[in-house]
Amino acid sequence: MKKLLYVFALAGLFGFASCDSPAEDRAEEMEDQAEDTADEMEDAAEDADTSAVI
């Protein structure tokens, strides 16, 4: 009987752990935005004319 309860408790914990939270979704969105911004900054740095006119 104890093993059966242990199995059900473990299955419940796995189900609970697989749920997404709104905070996790927001963190992923912020990470994506940061990556996009970093890519844009890299592109702008590559396109910038850094030659000096003397």
N, C-alpha and C. Protein backbone atom coordinates (compact mmCIF):
# COMPACT_ATOMS: atom_id res chain seq x y z
N MET A 1 0.82 -1.19 0.00
CA MET A 1 0.00 0.00 0.00
C MET A 1 0.87 1.26 0.00
N LYS A 2 1.96 1.24 0.77
CA LYS A 2 2.83 2.41 0.82
C LYS A 2 3.48 2.66 -0.53
N LYS A 3 3.84 1.58 -1.23
CA LYS A 3 4.47 1.74 -2.54
C LYS A 3 3.50 2.37 -3.53
N LEU A 4 2.25 1.98 -3.45
CA LEU A 4 1.24 2.54 -4.34
C LEU A 4 1.06 4.03 -4.07
N LEU A 5 1.00 4.43 -2.83
CA LEU A 5 0.88 5.85 -2.50
C LEU A 5 2.12 6.62 -2.95
N TYR A 6 3.29 6.01 -2.79
CA TYR A 6 4.53 6.65 -3.22
C TYR A 6 4.51 6.88 -4.73
N VAL A 7 4.05 5.89 -5.50
CA VAL A 7 3.99 6.02 -6.95
C VAL A 7 3.03 7.13 -7.35
N PHE A 8 1.87 7.20 -6.71
CA PHE A 8 0.91 8.26 -7.04
C PHE A 8 1.44 9.64 -6.66
N ALA A 9 2.11 9.74 -5.52
CA ALA A 9 2.69 11.02 -5.11
C ALA A 9 3.78 11.45 -6.09
N LEU A 10 4.60 10.52 -6.51
CA LEU A 10 5.66 10.83 -7.45
C LEU A 10 5.08 11.26 -8.80
N ALA A 11 4.05 10.58 -9.26
CA ALA A 11 3.41 10.96 -10.53
C ALA A 11 2.79 12.35 -10.42
N GLY A 12 2.22 12.68 -9.29
CA GLY A 12 1.64 14.00 -9.08
C GLY A 12 2.71 15.09 -9.10
N LEU A 13 3.86 14.79 -8.49
CA LEU A 13 4.94 15.78 -8.49
C LEU A 13 5.49 16.01 -9.89
N PHE A 14 5.59 14.95 -10.68
CA PHE A 14 6.04 15.12 -12.06
C PHE A 14 5.05 15.95 -12.85
N GLY A 15 3.79 15.74 -12.64
CA GLY A 15 2.77 16.53 -13.32
C GLY A 15 2.81 17.99 -12.91
N PHE A 16 3.04 18.23 -11.63
CA PHE A 16 3.12 19.60 -11.13
C PHE A 16 4.36 20.30 -11.67
N ALA A 17 5.47 19.58 -11.76
CA ALA A 17 6.73 20.17 -12.23
C ALA A 17 6.68 20.52 -13.70
N SER A 18 5.83 19.87 -14.46
CA SER A 18 5.78 20.13 -15.90
C SER A 18 4.92 21.35 -16.26
N CYS A 19 4.24 21.93 -15.31
CA CYS A 19 3.40 23.10 -15.57
C CYS A 19 4.26 24.33 -15.83
N ASP A 20 3.82 25.16 -16.77
CA ASP A 20 4.49 26.43 -17.05
C ASP A 20 3.87 27.52 -16.19
N SER A 21 4.70 28.39 -15.70
CA SER A 21 4.20 29.51 -14.93
C SER A 21 4.30 30.78 -15.77
N PRO A 22 3.47 31.77 -15.49
CA PRO A 22 3.54 33.03 -16.23
C PRO A 22 4.91 33.71 -16.08
N ALA A 23 5.52 33.59 -14.91
CA ALA A 23 6.83 34.21 -14.70
C ALA A 23 7.88 33.57 -15.60
N GLU A 24 7.77 32.27 -15.77
CA GLU A 24 8.72 31.57 -16.65
C GLU A 24 8.54 32.02 -18.10
N ASP A 25 7.31 32.19 -18.52
CA ASP A 25 7.04 32.66 -19.88
C ASP A 25 7.60 34.06 -20.09
N ARG A 26 7.42 34.94 -19.10
CA ARG A 26 7.94 36.30 -19.21
C ARG A 26 9.47 36.30 -19.27
N ALA A 27 10.09 35.42 -18.50
CA ALA A 27 11.56 35.35 -18.50
C ALA A 27 12.07 34.89 -19.86
N GLU A 28 11.37 33.93 -20.47
CA GLU A 28 11.77 33.46 -21.80
C GLU A 28 11.61 34.56 -22.83
N GLU A 29 10.53 35.34 -22.74
CA GLU A 29 10.32 36.45 -23.67
C GLU A 29 11.41 37.50 -23.51
N MET A 30 11.77 37.81 -22.28
CA MET A 30 12.82 38.80 -22.04
C MET A 30 14.17 38.30 -22.57
N GLU A 31 14.42 37.01 -22.44
CA GLU A 31 15.66 36.43 -22.95
C GLU A 31 15.70 36.53 -24.48
N ASP A 32 14.58 36.25 -25.12
CA ASP A 32 14.51 36.36 -26.58
C ASP A 32 14.73 37.81 -27.02
N GLN A 33 14.14 38.76 -26.32
CA GLN A 33 14.32 40.17 -26.66
C GLN A 33 15.78 40.58 -26.49
N ALA A 34 16.42 40.10 -25.43
CA ALA A 34 17.82 40.44 -25.20
C ALA A 34 18.71 39.88 -26.30
N GLU A 35 18.42 38.66 -26.74
CA GLU A 35 19.19 38.06 -27.84
C GLU A 35 19.00 38.85 -29.13
N ASP A 36 17.76 39.26 -29.40
CA ASP A 36 17.49 40.05 -30.60
C ASP A 36 18.24 41.38 -30.55
N THR A 37 18.22 42.03 -29.40
CA THR A 37 18.92 43.30 -29.25
C THR A 37 20.42 43.12 -29.44
N ALA A 38 20.97 42.05 -28.88
CA ALA A 38 22.41 41.79 -29.03
C ALA A 38 22.76 41.54 -30.50
N ASP A 39 21.91 40.80 -31.20
CA ASP A 39 22.14 40.56 -32.63
C ASP A 39 22.10 41.87 -33.42
N GLU A 40 21.13 42.73 -33.10
CA GLU A 40 21.03 44.02 -33.80
C GLU A 40 22.26 44.88 -33.52
N MET A 41 22.75 44.85 -32.29
CA MET A 41 23.93 45.64 -31.95
C MET A 41 25.17 45.11 -32.68
N GLU A 42 25.28 43.80 -32.80
CA GLU A 42 26.40 43.22 -33.53
C GLU A 42 26.35 43.61 -35.01
N ASP A 43 25.16 43.55 -35.58
CA ASP A 43 24.98 43.93 -36.99
C ASP A 43 25.33 45.40 -37.19
N ALA A 44 24.90 46.25 -36.28
CA ALA A 44 25.18 47.67 -36.39
C ALA A 44 26.68 47.94 -36.26
N ALA A 45 27.35 47.20 -35.40
CA ALA A 45 28.79 47.38 -35.23
C ALA A 45 29.55 46.93 -36.48
N GLU A 46 29.07 45.88 -37.12
CA GLU A 46 29.71 45.40 -38.35
C GLU A 46 29.49 46.38 -39.49
N ASP A 47 28.32 47.01 -39.52
CA ASP A 47 28.00 47.94 -40.60
C ASP A 47 28.59 49.33 -40.39
N ALA A 48 28.99 49.64 -39.17
CA ALA A 48 29.51 50.97 -38.88
C ALA A 48 30.83 51.19 -39.60
N ASP A 49 30.97 52.39 -40.12
CA ASP A 49 32.22 52.76 -40.80
C ASP A 49 33.17 53.29 -39.76
N THR A 50 34.21 52.53 -39.47
CA THR A 50 35.16 52.92 -38.42
C THR A 50 36.46 53.45 -38.98
N SER A 51 36.49 53.67 -40.30
CA SER A 51 37.72 54.19 -40.90
C SER A 51 37.85 55.67 -40.56
N ALA A 52 39.06 56.09 -40.26
CA ALA A 52 39.32 57.47 -39.90
C ALA A 52 39.83 58.23 -41.12
N VAL A 53 39.33 59.42 -41.28
CA VAL A 53 39.77 60.27 -42.37
C VAL A 53 40.85 61.20 -41.83
N ILE A 54 42.04 61.07 -42.42
CA ILE A 54 43.16 61.89 -41.94
C ILE A 54 43.59 62.84 -43.02
